[in-house]
């Protein structure tokens, strides 16, 4: 993130034009721009069946994800030291090591919750600072979420072994029951986030995702409110509220406007909307567009936009053929 911020700053001040060198061109051609696999695509079937699909990151995003993976494995593998007085606090050394492993993985899982909210937000401050694409942030969001779930499962399994023989009694404690609920919710969130479900029922996925994440955050709070580590949950809530507030402000500044739709061909139509004087688009910019339809008013999707005189223009692919009429739009 820091390197991305530095390079974005150099681009904004025009200093990046001085960095013209065969090595830099090589890095751009083989590291920054290409897809993860040679001659690959960002979305392609896996396993030979079309129902098994995935969205692959760019090569530079893949290397960032690889770095995070290595770092996480190092955190897992860093030596656990048994205390000399383990016989006083624990029945044996095995019980002590179980507790250490469970506690470390649980703390790591909590530390990842704010990152999940931050990377998943549309008005992510890191996007503005680093210049990374929204899709890159979503790939980071997916990677961190998977490690968070693994950490939560390790934490839960560890305490299941620790409470062996007393599990039913432990469930009567609010913190323990909420911990079980949080891990269960995390597993459900992961299960219903598979690409085949997202690609076929995106709106259903999105709103169930938001509801389950809100419940997960609440369970995490009640799980640890009496023992600490809730600062991570507070940070996650701050990021979430910040994203929503900025979204409302940006939508309000753009206004509620009528868009003109033009059918270009059988699968594409053009949307033109009058551009506010304060709204300036640049190459590669995108906006989340709301359509004020009786059934679709709550949906918003990202589209690339560009200036055309006093209008903003975007192109949308048709998935179902309906009568096209003038509609109202909001940009987020």
C-alpha atoms as a PDB file:
ATOM      1  CA  UNK A   1       0.000   0.000   0.000  1.00  0.00           C
ATOM      2  CA  UNK A   2       2.860   2.377   0.844  1.00  0.00           C
ATOM      3  CA  UNK A   3       4.663   1.717  -2.456  1.00  0.00           C
ATOM      4  CA  UNK A   4       1.416   2.202  -4.370  1.00  0.00           C
ATOM      5  CA  UNK A   5       0.853   5.533  -2.606  1.00  0.00           C
ATOM      6  CA  UNK A   6       4.366   6.727  -3.475  1.00  0.00           C
ATOM      7  CA  UNK A   7       4.009   5.837  -7.163  1.00  0.00           C
ATOM      8  CA  UNK A   8       0.552   7.422  -7.340  1.00  0.00           C
ATOM      9  CA  UNK A   9       1.969  10.618  -5.872  1.00  0.00           C
ATOM     10  CA  UNK A  10       4.794  10.614  -8.453  1.00  0.00           C
ATOM     11  CA  UNK A  11       2.238  10.138 -11.238  1.00  0.00           C
ATOM     12  CA  UNK A  12       0.074  13.000  -9.958  1.00  0.00           C
ATOM     13  CA  UNK A  13       3.007  15.442  -9.831  1.00  0.00           C
ATOM     14  CA  UNK A  14       4.312  14.339 -13.242  1.00  0.00           C
ATOM     15  CA  UNK A  15       7.552  12.899 -11.894  1.00  0.00           C
ATOM     16  CA  UNK A  16       6.775   9.391 -13.172  1.00  0.00           C
ATOM     17  CA  UNK A  17       7.594  10.525 -16.741  1.00  0.00           C
ATOM     18  CA  UNK A  18      11.234  10.639 -15.725  1.00  0.00           C
ATOM     19  CA  UNK A  19      11.197   6.956 -14.843  1.00  0.00           C
ATOM     20  CA  UNK A  20      11.732   5.607 -18.352  1.00  0.00           C
ATOM     21  CA  UNK A  21      14.095   2.677 -18.319  1.00  0.00           C
ATOM     22  CA  UNK A  22      14.166  -0.819 -19.893  1.00  0.00           C
ATOM     23  CA  UNK A  23      13.893  -2.390 -16.427  1.00  0.00           C
ATOM     24  CA  UNK A  24      10.762  -0.368 -15.601  1.00  0.00           C
ATOM     25  CA  UNK A  25       9.250  -1.200 -18.985  1.00  0.00           C
ATOM     26  CA  UNK A  26      10.028  -4.872 -18.345  1.00  0.00           C
ATOM     27  CA  UNK A  27       8.299  -4.750 -14.941  1.00  0.00           C
ATOM     28  CA  UNK A  28       5.228  -3.124 -16.470  1.00  0.00           C
ATOM     29  CA  UNK A  29       5.090  -5.619 -19.334  1.00  0.00           C
ATOM     30  CA  UNK A  30       5.602  -8.778 -17.260  1.00  0.00           C
ATOM     31  CA  UNK A  31       4.566  -7.893 -13.691  1.00  0.00           C
ATOM     32  CA  UNK A  32       2.131  -4.977 -13.463  1.00  0.00           C
ATOM     33  CA  UNK A  33      -0.124  -5.324 -16.520  1.00  0.00           C
ATOM     34  CA  UNK A  34      -0.467  -9.072 -17.425  1.00  0.00           C
ATOM     35  CA  UNK A  35      -2.964 -11.546 -16.020  1.00  0.00           C
ATOM     36  CA  UNK A  36      -1.818 -14.122 -13.483  1.00  0.00           C
ATOM     37  CA  UNK A  37      -1.228 -16.831 -16.100  1.00  0.00           C
ATOM     38  CA  UNK A  38       0.343 -16.265 -19.554  1.00  0.00           C
ATOM     39  CA  UNK A  39      -2.392 -15.731 -22.152  1.00  0.00           C
ATOM     40  CA  UNK A  40      -4.915 -16.038 -19.342  1.00  0.00           C
ATOM     41  CA  UNK A  41      -8.066 -14.168 -18.460  1.00  0.00           C
ATOM     42  CA  UNK A  42      -9.380 -12.627 -15.269  1.00  0.00           C
ATOM     43  CA  UNK A  43     -12.407 -14.957 -15.299  1.00  0.00           C
ATOM     44  CA  UNK A  44     -12.189 -18.419 -16.757  1.00  0.00           C
ATOM     45  CA  UNK A  45     -13.658 -21.910 -16.117  1.00  0.00           C
ATOM     46  CA  UNK A  46     -11.817 -24.172 -13.719  1.00  0.00           C
ATOM     47  CA  UNK A  47     -11.901 -27.948 -13.533  1.00  0.00           C
ATOM     48  CA  UNK A  48     -13.449 -28.356 -16.976  1.00  0.00           C
ATOM     49  CA  UNK A  49     -17.022 -27.590 -15.823  1.00  0.00           C
ATOM     50  CA  UNK A  50     -18.499 -24.152 -16.313  1.00  0.00           C
ATOM     51  CA  UNK A  51     -20.093 -24.175 -12.867  1.00  0.00           C
ATOM     52  CA  UNK A  52     -16.596 -24.085 -11.351  1.00  0.00           C
ATOM     53  CA  UNK A  53     -15.446 -20.580 -12.182  1.00  0.00           C
ATOM     54  CA  UNK A  54     -13.215 -18.064 -10.500  1.00  0.00           C
ATOM     55  CA  UNK A  55     -11.979 -14.518 -10.931  1.00  0.00           C
ATOM     56  CA  UNK A  56      -8.202 -14.436 -11.205  1.00  0.00           C
ATOM     57  CA  UNK A  57      -6.187 -11.376 -10.169  1.00  0.00           C
ATOM     58  CA  UNK A  58      -3.608  -9.543 -12.246  1.00  0.00           C
ATOM     59  CA  UNK A  59      -0.016 -10.644 -11.882  1.00  0.00           C
ATOM     60  CA  UNK A  60       0.990  -7.808  -9.555  1.00  0.00           C
ATOM     61  CA  UNK A  61      -2.069  -8.495  -7.373  1.00  0.00           C
ATOM     62  CA  UNK A  62      -1.087 -12.176  -7.322  1.00  0.00           C
ATOM     63  CA  UNK A  63       2.385 -11.296  -6.047  1.00  0.00           C
ATOM     64  CA  UNK A  64       0.903  -9.067  -3.340  1.00  0.00           C
ATOM     65  CA  UNK A  65      -1.419 -11.894  -2.306  1.00  0.00           C
ATOM     66  CA  UNK A  66       1.531 -14.296  -2.304  1.00  0.00           C
ATOM     67  CA  UNK A  67       3.455 -11.946  -0.015  1.00  0.00           C
ATOM     68  CA  UNK A  68       0.513 -11.760   2.384  1.00  0.00           C
ATOM     69  CA  UNK A  69       0.232 -15.561   2.334  1.00  0.00           C
ATOM     70  CA  UNK A  70       3.907 -16.016   3.191  1.00  0.00           C
ATOM     71  CA  UNK A  71       3.643 -13.425   5.969  1.00  0.00           C
ATOM     72  CA  UNK A  72       0.595 -15.156   7.413  1.00  0.00           C
ATOM     73  CA  UNK A  73       2.320 -18.538   7.411  1.00  0.00           C
ATOM     74  CA  UNK A  74       5.267 -16.959   9.258  1.00  0.00           C
ATOM     75  CA  UNK A  75       2.852 -15.624  11.885  1.00  0.00           C
ATOM     76  CA  UNK A  76       1.360 -19.087  12.262  1.00  0.00           C
ATOM     77  CA  UNK A  77       4.724 -20.821  12.500  1.00  0.00           C
ATOM     78  CA  UNK A  78       6.533 -18.411  14.822  1.00  0.00           C
ATOM     79  CA  UNK A  79       7.669 -20.573  17.785  1.00  0.00           C
ATOM     80  CA  UNK A  80       5.368 -21.145  20.723  1.00  0.00           C
ATOM     81  CA  UNK A  81       7.214 -21.132  24.042  1.00  0.00           C
ATOM     82  CA  UNK A  82       5.902 -23.203  26.906  1.00  0.00           C
ATOM     83  CA  UNK A  83       6.241 -21.601  30.323  1.00  0.00           C
ATOM     84  CA  UNK A  84       8.166 -23.258  33.134  1.00  0.00           C
ATOM     85  CA  UNK A  85       5.090 -23.155  35.363  1.00  0.00           C
ATOM     86  CA  UNK A  86       2.763 -24.816  32.865  1.00  0.00           C
ATOM     87  CA  UNK A  87       2.029 -27.577  35.383  1.00  0.00           C
ATOM     88  CA  UNK A  88       0.526 -24.919  37.688  1.00  0.00           C
ATOM     89  CA  UNK A  89      -1.824 -23.345  35.117  1.00  0.00           C
ATOM     90  CA  UNK A  90      -2.460 -26.367  32.886  1.00  0.00           C
ATOM     91  CA  UNK A  91      -2.792 -30.076  33.296  1.00  0.00           C
ATOM     92  CA  UNK A  92       0.071 -30.639  30.881  1.00  0.00           C
ATOM     93  CA  UNK A  93       2.188 -28.936  28.255  1.00  0.00           C
ATOM     94  CA  UNK A  94      -0.120 -30.071  25.438  1.00  0.00           C
ATOM     95  CA  UNK A  95      -3.024 -28.145  26.954  1.00  0.00           C
ATOM     96  CA  UNK A  96      -0.860 -25.044  27.225  1.00  0.00           C
ATOM     97  CA  UNK A  97       0.256 -25.217  23.593  1.00  0.00           C
ATOM     98  CA  UNK A  98      -3.356 -25.673  22.478  1.00  0.00           C
ATOM     99  CA  UNK A  99      -4.298 -22.506  24.332  1.00  0.00           C
ATOM    100  CA  UNK A 100      -1.397 -20.550  22.824  1.00  0.00           C
ATOM    101  CA  UNK A 101      -2.237 -21.683  19.278  1.00  0.00           C
ATOM    102  CA  UNK A 102      -5.951 -20.935  19.771  1.00  0.00           C
ATOM    103  CA  UNK A 103      -5.300 -17.486  21.258  1.00  0.00           C
ATOM    104  CA  UNK A 104      -2.826 -16.426  18.566  1.00  0.00           C
ATOM    105  CA  UNK A 105      -5.099 -17.481  15.705  1.00  0.00           C
ATOM    106  CA  UNK A 106      -8.074 -15.764  17.354  1.00  0.00           C
ATOM    107  CA  UNK A 107      -6.197 -12.488  17.749  1.00  0.00           C
ATOM    108  CA  UNK A 108      -5.023 -12.700  14.130  1.00  0.00           C
ATOM    109  CA  UNK A 109      -8.619 -13.257  12.999  1.00  0.00           C
ATOM    110  CA  UNK A 110      -9.780 -10.165  14.897  1.00  0.00           C
ATOM    111  CA  UNK A 111      -6.965  -8.100  13.390  1.00  0.00           C
ATOM    112  CA  UNK A 112      -8.173  -9.020   9.914  1.00  0.00           C
ATOM    113  CA  UNK A 113     -11.783  -7.884  10.412  1.00  0.00           C
ATOM    114  CA  UNK A 114     -11.024  -4.156   9.820  1.00  0.00           C
ATOM    115  CA  UNK A 115      -9.048  -5.086   6.689  1.00  0.00           C
ATOM    116  CA  UNK A 116     -12.064  -6.988   5.350  1.00  0.00           C
ATOM    117  CA  UNK A 117     -14.338  -3.978   5.757  1.00  0.00           C
ATOM    118  CA  UNK A 118     -11.713  -1.581   4.396  1.00  0.00           C
ATOM    119  CA  UNK A 119     -10.883  -3.588   1.262  1.00  0.00           C
ATOM    120  CA  UNK A 120     -14.553  -4.381   0.587  1.00  0.00           C
ATOM    121  CA  UNK A 121     -15.739  -0.760   0.762  1.00  0.00           C
ATOM    122  CA  UNK A 122     -16.558   1.212  -2.371  1.00  0.00           C
ATOM    123  CA  UNK A 123     -15.144   4.453  -0.972  1.00  0.00           C
ATOM    124  CA  UNK A 124     -11.950   2.818   0.192  1.00  0.00           C
ATOM    125  CA  UNK A 125      -9.416   5.471   1.149  1.00  0.00           C
ATOM    126  CA  UNK A 126      -6.624   3.112   0.065  1.00  0.00           C
ATOM    127  CA  UNK A 127      -8.004   3.204  -3.493  1.00  0.00           C
ATOM    128  CA  UNK A 128      -7.538   6.980  -3.638  1.00  0.00           C
ATOM    129  CA  UNK A 129      -4.074   6.798  -2.034  1.00  0.00           C
ATOM    130  CA  UNK A 130      -2.603   3.887  -3.989  1.00  0.00           C
ATOM    131  CA  UNK A 131      -4.382   4.167  -7.331  1.00  0.00           C
ATOM    132  CA  UNK A 132      -5.105   0.414  -7.212  1.00  0.00           C
ATOM    133  CA  UNK A 133      -8.162  -0.782  -9.110  1.00  0.00           C
ATOM    134  CA  UNK A 134     -11.378  -1.604  -7.289  1.00  0.00           C
ATOM    135  CA  UNK A 135     -11.020  -5.189  -8.524  1.00  0.00           C
ATOM    136  CA  UNK A 136      -7.591  -5.379  -6.861  1.00  0.00           C
ATOM    137  CA  UNK A 137      -9.104  -4.344  -3.539  1.00  0.00           C
ATOM    138  CA  UNK A 138     -11.778  -7.018  -3.941  1.00  0.00           C
ATOM    139  CA  UNK A 139      -9.088  -9.651  -4.523  1.00  0.00           C
ATOM    140  CA  UNK A 140      -7.335  -8.500  -1.342  1.00  0.00           C
ATOM    141  CA  UNK A 141     -10.687  -8.624   0.440  1.00  0.00           C
ATOM    142  CA  UNK A 142     -11.182 -12.239  -0.665  1.00  0.00           C
ATOM    143  CA  UNK A 143      -7.690 -13.326   0.367  1.00  0.00           C
ATOM    144  CA  UNK A 144      -7.882 -11.751   3.825  1.00  0.00           C
ATOM    145  CA  UNK A 145     -11.362 -13.201   4.353  1.00  0.00           C
ATOM    146  CA  UNK A 146     -10.128 -16.724   3.630  1.00  0.00           C
ATOM    147  CA  UNK A 147      -7.273 -16.423   6.080  1.00  0.00           C
ATOM    148  CA  UNK A 148      -9.607 -14.880   8.657  1.00  0.00           C
ATOM    149  CA  UNK A 149     -11.934 -17.869   8.359  1.00  0.00           C
ATOM    150  CA  UNK A 150      -9.022 -20.301   8.680  1.00  0.00           C
ATOM    151  CA  UNK A 151      -7.801 -18.412  11.754  1.00  0.00           C
ATOM    152  CA  UNK A 152     -11.309 -18.505  13.250  1.00  0.00           C
ATOM    153  CA  UNK A 153     -11.591 -22.258  12.615  1.00  0.00           C
ATOM    154  CA  UNK A 154      -8.184 -22.912  14.226  1.00  0.00           C
ATOM    155  CA  UNK A 155      -9.246 -20.772  17.187  1.00  0.00           C
ATOM    156  CA  UNK A 156     -12.571 -22.590  17.541  1.00  0.00           C
ATOM    157  CA  UNK A 157     -11.063 -26.062  17.148  1.00  0.00           C
ATOM    158  CA  UNK A 158      -8.426 -25.230  19.741  1.00  0.00           C
ATOM    159  CA  UNK A 159     -11.014 -24.205  22.312  1.00  0.00           C
ATOM    160  CA  UNK A 160     -13.173 -27.195  21.439  1.00  0.00           C
ATOM    161  CA  UNK A 161     -10.253 -29.424  22.432  1.00  0.00           C
ATOM    162  CA  UNK A 162      -9.543 -27.327  25.515  1.00  0.00           C
ATOM    163  CA  UNK A 163     -13.174 -27.580  26.658  1.00  0.00           C
ATOM    164  CA  UNK A 164     -13.400 -31.282  25.890  1.00  0.00           C
ATOM    165  CA  UNK A 165     -15.820 -32.819  28.365  1.00  0.00           C
ATOM    166  CA  UNK A 166     -17.186 -29.383  29.337  1.00  0.00           C
ATOM    167  CA  UNK A 167     -18.379 -28.149  25.940  1.00  0.00           C
ATOM    168  CA  UNK A 168     -22.123 -28.142  26.693  1.00  0.00           C
ATOM    169  CA  UNK A 169     -21.505 -26.298  29.959  1.00  0.00           C
ATOM    170  CA  UNK A 170     -19.257 -23.769  28.164  1.00  0.00           C
ATOM    171  CA  UNK A 171     -22.042 -23.025  25.651  1.00  0.00           C
ATOM    172  CA  UNK A 172     -24.093 -21.568  28.494  1.00  0.00           C
ATOM    173  CA  UNK A 173     -21.576 -18.716  28.669  1.00  0.00           C
ATOM    174  CA  UNK A 174     -22.474 -15.790  26.405  1.00  0.00           C
ATOM    175  CA  UNK A 175     -18.909 -15.220  25.176  1.00  0.00           C
ATOM    176  CA  UNK A 176     -18.447 -18.891  24.225  1.00  0.00           C
ATOM    177  CA  UNK A 177     -21.827 -19.187  22.464  1.00  0.00           C
ATOM    178  CA  UNK A 178     -21.187 -15.962  20.529  1.00  0.00           C
ATOM    179  CA  UNK A 179     -17.773 -17.272  19.487  1.00  0.00           C
ATOM    180  CA  UNK A 180     -19.366 -20.436  18.094  1.00  0.00           C
ATOM    181  CA  UNK A 181     -21.970 -18.309  16.301  1.00  0.00           C
ATOM    182  CA  UNK A 182     -19.288 -16.014  14.840  1.00  0.00           C
ATOM    183  CA  UNK A 183     -17.306 -18.929  13.414  1.00  0.00           C
ATOM    184  CA  UNK A 184     -20.471 -20.495  11.996  1.00  0.00           C
ATOM    185  CA  UNK A 185     -21.478 -17.207  10.368  1.00  0.00           C
ATOM    186  CA  UNK A 186     -17.969 -16.801   8.908  1.00  0.00           C
ATOM    187  CA  UNK A 187     -18.254 -20.244   7.337  1.00  0.00           C
ATOM    188  CA  UNK A 188     -21.681 -19.416   5.867  1.00  0.00           C
ATOM    189  CA  UNK A 189     -20.401 -16.104   4.497  1.00  0.00           C
ATOM    190  CA  UNK A 190     -17.529 -17.934   2.798  1.00  0.00           C
ATOM    191  CA  UNK A 191     -19.754 -20.719   1.461  1.00  0.00           C
ATOM    192  CA  UNK A 192     -22.313 -18.357  -0.106  1.00  0.00           C
ATOM    193  CA  UNK A 193     -19.575 -16.177  -1.609  1.00  0.00           C
ATOM    194  CA  UNK A 194     -18.483 -18.752  -4.182  1.00  0.00           C
ATOM    195  CA  UNK A 195     -18.300 -17.316  -7.688  1.00  0.00           C
ATOM    196  CA  UNK A 196     -21.074 -19.502  -9.201  1.00  0.00           C
ATOM    197  CA  UNK A 197     -23.512 -18.087  -6.620  1.00  0.00           C
ATOM    198  CA  UNK A 198     -22.300 -14.502  -7.052  1.00  0.00           C
ATOM    199  CA  UNK A 199     -22.481 -14.661 -10.840  1.00  0.00           C
ATOM    200  CA  UNK A 200     -25.988 -16.139 -10.930  1.00  0.00           C
ATOM    201  CA  UNK A 201     -27.663 -14.467  -7.945  1.00  0.00           C
ATOM    202  CA  UNK A 202     -25.558 -11.403  -7.253  1.00  0.00           C
ATOM    203  CA  UNK A 203     -28.204  -9.260  -5.546  1.00  0.00           C
ATOM    204  CA  UNK A 204     -29.240 -12.146  -3.281  1.00  0.00           C
ATOM    205  CA  UNK A 205     -25.604 -12.797  -2.448  1.00  0.00           C
ATOM    206  CA  UNK A 206     -24.910  -9.113  -1.753  1.00  0.00           C
ATOM    207  CA  UNK A 207     -27.701  -8.465   0.733  1.00  0.00           C
ATOM    208  CA  UNK A 208     -27.338 -11.778   2.525  1.00  0.00           C
ATOM    209  CA  UNK A 209     -23.607 -11.015   2.654  1.00  0.00           C
ATOM    210  CA  UNK A 210     -24.236  -7.646   4.334  1.00  0.00           C
ATOM    211  CA  UNK A 211     -26.723  -9.108   6.828  1.00  0.00           C
ATOM    212  CA  UNK A 212     -24.445 -12.006   7.786  1.00  0.00           C
ATOM    213  CA  UNK A 213     -21.396  -9.741   8.095  1.00  0.00           C
ATOM    214  CA  UNK A 214     -23.324  -7.407  10.411  1.00  0.00           C
ATOM    215  CA  UNK A 215     -24.343 -10.407  12.533  1.00  0.00           C
ATOM    216  CA  UNK A 216     -20.755 -11.698  12.496  1.00  0.00           C
ATOM    217  CA  UNK A 217     -19.382  -8.361  13.735  1.00  0.00           C
ATOM    218  CA  UNK A 218     -21.998  -8.277  16.509  1.00  0.00           C
ATOM    219  CA  UNK A 219     -21.114 -11.814  17.622  1.00  0.00           C
ATOM    220  CA  UNK A 220     -17.403 -10.901  17.654  1.00  0.00           C
ATOM    221  CA  UNK A 221     -18.184  -7.921  19.894  1.00  0.00           C
ATOM    222  CA  UNK A 222     -20.119  -9.983  22.441  1.00  0.00           C
ATOM    223  CA  UNK A 223     -17.487 -12.709  22.242  1.00  0.00           C
ATOM    224  CA  UNK A 224     -14.693 -10.467  23.501  1.00  0.00           C
ATOM    225  CA  UNK A 225     -16.293  -7.411  25.075  1.00  0.00           C
ATOM    226  CA  UNK A 226     -15.209  -8.514  28.584  1.00  0.00           C
ATOM    227  CA  UNK A 227     -11.689  -9.689  27.709  1.00  0.00           C
ATOM    228  CA  UNK A 228     -10.360  -7.106  25.240  1.00  0.00           C
ATOM    229  CA  UNK A 229      -9.482  -6.959  21.543  1.00  0.00           C
ATOM    230  CA  UNK A 230     -12.726  -5.116  20.692  1.00  0.00           C
ATOM    231  CA  UNK A 231     -10.660  -2.205  19.325  1.00  0.00           C
ATOM    232  CA  UNK A 232     -10.465  -4.203  16.090  1.00  0.00           C
ATOM    233  CA  UNK A 233     -14.255  -4.415  15.917  1.00  0.00           C
ATOM    234  CA  UNK A 234     -14.603  -0.685  16.615  1.00  0.00           C
ATOM    235  CA  UNK A 235     -12.129   0.056  13.791  1.00  0.00           C
ATOM    236  CA  UNK A 236     -14.127  -2.170  11.425  1.00  0.00           C
ATOM    237  CA  UNK A 237     -17.359  -0.342  12.299  1.00  0.00           C
ATOM    238  CA  UNK A 238     -15.673   3.040  11.759  1.00  0.00           C
ATOM    239  CA  UNK A 239     -14.547   1.991   8.264  1.00  0.00           C
ATOM    240  CA  UNK A 240     -18.048   0.711   7.471  1.00  0.00           C
ATOM    241  CA  UNK A 241     -19.815   3.889   8.654  1.00  0.00           C
ATOM    242  CA  UNK A 242     -17.244   6.079   6.865  1.00  0.00           C
ATOM    243  CA  UNK A 243     -17.905   4.260   3.584  1.00  0.00           C
ATOM    244  CA  UNK A 244     -21.679   4.749   3.903  1.00  0.00           C
ATOM    245  CA  UNK A 245     -21.435   8.417   4.858  1.00  0.00           C
ATOM    246  CA  UNK A 246     -19.091   9.207   1.967  1.00  0.00           C
ATOM    247  CA  UNK A 247     -21.382   7.278  -0.380  1.00  0.00           C
ATOM    248  CA  UNK A 248     -24.389   9.403   0.643  1.00  0.00           C
ATOM    249  CA  UNK A 249     -22.390  12.637   0.316  1.00  0.00           C
ATOM    250  CA  UNK A 250     -21.117  11.775  -3.167  1.00  0.00           C
ATOM    251  CA  UNK A 251     -24.558  10.689  -4.357  1.00  0.00           C
ATOM    252  CA  UNK A 252     -26.080  13.913  -3.024  1.00  0.00           C
ATOM    253  CA  UNK A 253     -23.426  16.025  -4.744  1.00  0.00           C
ATOM    254  CA  UNK A 254     -24.132  14.340  -8.080  1.00  0.00           C
ATOM    255  CA  UNK A 255     -27.878  14.725  -7.724  1.00  0.00           C
ATOM    256  CA  UNK A 256     -30.962  12.955  -9.028  1.00  0.00           C
ATOM    257  CA  UNK A 257     -30.917  13.206 -12.814  1.00  0.00           C
ATOM    258  CA  UNK A 258     -32.684  11.916 -15.894  1.00  0.00           C
ATOM    259  CA  UNK A 259     -30.618   9.718 -18.183  1.00  0.00           C
ATOM    260  CA  UNK A 260     -31.125   9.130 -21.917  1.00  0.00           C
ATOM    261  CA  UNK A 261     -30.772   5.526 -23.079  1.00  0.00           C
ATOM    262  CA  UNK A 262     -29.856   4.544 -26.629  1.00  0.00           C
ATOM    263  CA  UNK A 263     -29.840   0.949 -27.833  1.00  0.00           C
ATOM    264  CA  UNK A 264     -26.572   0.444 -29.734  1.00  0.00           C
ATOM    265  CA  UNK A 265     -27.042  -3.186 -30.771  1.00  0.00           C
ATOM    266  CA  UNK A 266     -28.669  -6.354 -29.493  1.00  0.00           C
ATOM    267  CA  UNK A 267     -26.557  -6.492 -26.351  1.00  0.00           C
ATOM    268  CA  UNK A 268     -25.370  -2.960 -25.549  1.00  0.00           C
ATOM    269  CA  UNK A 269     -27.039   0.313 -24.740  1.00  0.00           C
ATOM    270  CA  UNK A 270     -25.618   3.755 -24.114  1.00  0.00           C
ATOM    271  CA  UNK A 271     -26.489   5.842 -21.065  1.00  0.00           C
ATOM    272  CA  UNK A 272     -25.997   9.620 -21.177  1.00  0.00           C
ATOM    273  CA  UNK A 273     -26.601  11.851 -18.181  1.00  0.00           C
ATOM    274  CA  UNK A 274     -25.917  15.561 -17.721  1.00  0.00           C
ATOM    275  CA  UNK A 275     -22.677  16.041 -15.845  1.00  0.00           C
ATOM    276  CA  UNK A 276     -22.502  18.329 -12.797  1.00  0.00           C
ATOM    277  CA  UNK A 277     -19.936  21.087 -13.230  1.00  0.00           C
ATOM    278  CA  UNK A 278     -18.017  19.847 -10.221  1.00  0.00           C
ATOM    279  CA  UNK A 279     -17.826  16.282 -11.549  1.00  0.00           C
ATOM    280  CA  UNK A 280     -14.691  15.549 -13.586  1.00  0.00           C
ATOM    281  CA  UNK A 281     -13.916  12.070 -14.874  1.00  0.00           C
ATOM    282  CA  UNK A 282     -10.531  10.731 -15.908  1.00  0.00           C
ATOM    283  CA  UNK A 283      -9.401   7.645 -17.888  1.00  0.00           C
ATOM    284  CA  UNK A 284     -10.148   4.426 -16.060  1.00  0.00           C
ATOM    285  CA  UNK A 285     -12.666   6.047 -13.717  1.00  0.00           C
ATOM    286  CA  UNK A 286     -15.832   4.199 -12.817  1.00  0.00           C
ATOM    287  CA  UNK A 287     -19.036   4.936 -10.941  1.00  0.00           C
ATOM    288  CA  UNK A 288     -21.604   2.853  -9.113  1.00  0.00           C
ATOM    289  CA  UNK A 289     -24.905   3.632 -10.799  1.00  0.00           C
ATOM    290  CA  UNK A 290     -28.361   3.433  -9.225  1.00  0.00           C
ATOM    291  CA  UNK A 291     -31.422   3.225 -11.484  1.00  0.00           C
ATOM    292  CA  UNK A 292     -34.620   4.607  -9.973  1.00  0.00           C
ATOM    293  CA  UNK A 293     -36.778   1.716 -11.093  1.00  0.00           C
ATOM    294  CA  UNK A 294     -39.674   0.435  -8.976  1.00  0.00           C
ATOM    295  CA  UNK A 295     -38.010  -2.972  -8.648  1.00  0.00           C
ATOM    296  CA  UNK A 296     -34.329  -2.115  -9.084  1.00  0.00           C
ATOM    297  CA  UNK A 297     -33.886   1.100  -7.058  1.00  0.00           C
ATOM    298  CA  UNK A 298     -31.710  -0.634  -4.422  1.00  0.00           C
ATOM    299  CA  UNK A 299     -29.258  -2.117  -6.956  1.00  0.00           C
ATOM    300  CA  UNK A 300     -26.002  -0.441  -7.975  1.00  0.00           C
ATOM    301  CA  UNK A 301     -23.254  -1.712 -10.229  1.00  0.00           C
ATOM    302  CA  UNK A 302     -19.890  -0.300 -11.365  1.00  0.00           C
ATOM    303  CA  UNK A 303     -19.508   1.071 -14.904  1.00  0.00           C
ATOM    304  CA  UNK A 304     -16.679   2.908 -16.636  1.00  0.00           C
ATOM    305  CA  UNK A 305     -17.630   6.533 -17.380  1.00  0.00           C
ATOM    306  CA  UNK A 306     -16.161   9.214 -19.627  1.00  0.00           C
ATOM    307  CA  UNK A 307     -16.843  12.854 -20.444  1.00  0.00           C
ATOM    308  CA  UNK A 308     -18.695  13.746 -23.633  1.00  0.00           C
ATOM    309  CA  UNK A 309     -19.081  17.502 -23.565  1.00  0.00           C
ATOM    310  CA  UNK A 310     -21.546  18.341 -20.802  1.00  0.00           C
ATOM    311  CA  UNK A 311     -22.609  14.711 -20.438  1.00  0.00           C
ATOM    312  CA  UNK A 312     -21.279  11.618 -18.734  1.00  0.00           C
ATOM    313  CA  UNK A 313     -21.509   8.489 -20.869  1.00  0.00           C
ATOM    314  CA  UNK A 314     -21.373   4.818 -19.982  1.00  0.00           C
ATOM    315  CA  UNK A 315     -22.171   1.595 -21.833  1.00  0.00           C
ATOM    316  CA  UNK A 316     -24.104  -1.291 -20.317  1.00  0.00           C
ATOM    317  CA  UNK A 317     -24.410  -4.851 -21.582  1.00  0.00           C
ATOM    318  CA  UNK A 318     -27.963  -6.136 -21.882  1.00  0.00           C
ATOM    319  CA  UNK A 319     -28.663  -9.375 -20.020  1.00  0.00           C
ATOM    320  CA  UNK A 320     -32.441  -9.400 -20.425  1.00  0.00           C
ATOM    321  CA  UNK A 321     -34.296  -7.577 -23.170  1.00  0.00           C
ATOM    322  CA  UNK A 322     -36.912  -5.138 -21.860  1.00  0.00           C
ATOM    323  CA  UNK A 323     -38.386  -1.888 -23.122  1.00  0.00           C
ATOM    324  CA  UNK A 324     -35.799   0.884 -22.644  1.00  0.00           C
ATOM    325  CA  UNK A 325     -37.115   4.214 -21.362  1.00  0.00           C
ATOM    326  CA  UNK A 326     -35.739   7.373 -19.810  1.00  0.00           C
ATOM    327  CA  UNK A 327     -34.773   6.657 -16.190  1.00  0.00           C
ATOM    328  CA  UNK A 328     -33.334   8.460 -13.201  1.00  0.00           C
ATOM    329  CA  UNK A 329     -29.760   7.765 -12.091  1.00  0.00           C
ATOM    330  CA  UNK A 330     -27.559   8.455  -9.113  1.00  0.00           C
ATOM    331  CA  UNK A 331     -23.790   8.064  -9.061  1.00  0.00           C
ATOM    332  CA  UNK A 332     -21.942   6.801  -6.003  1.00  0.00           C
END
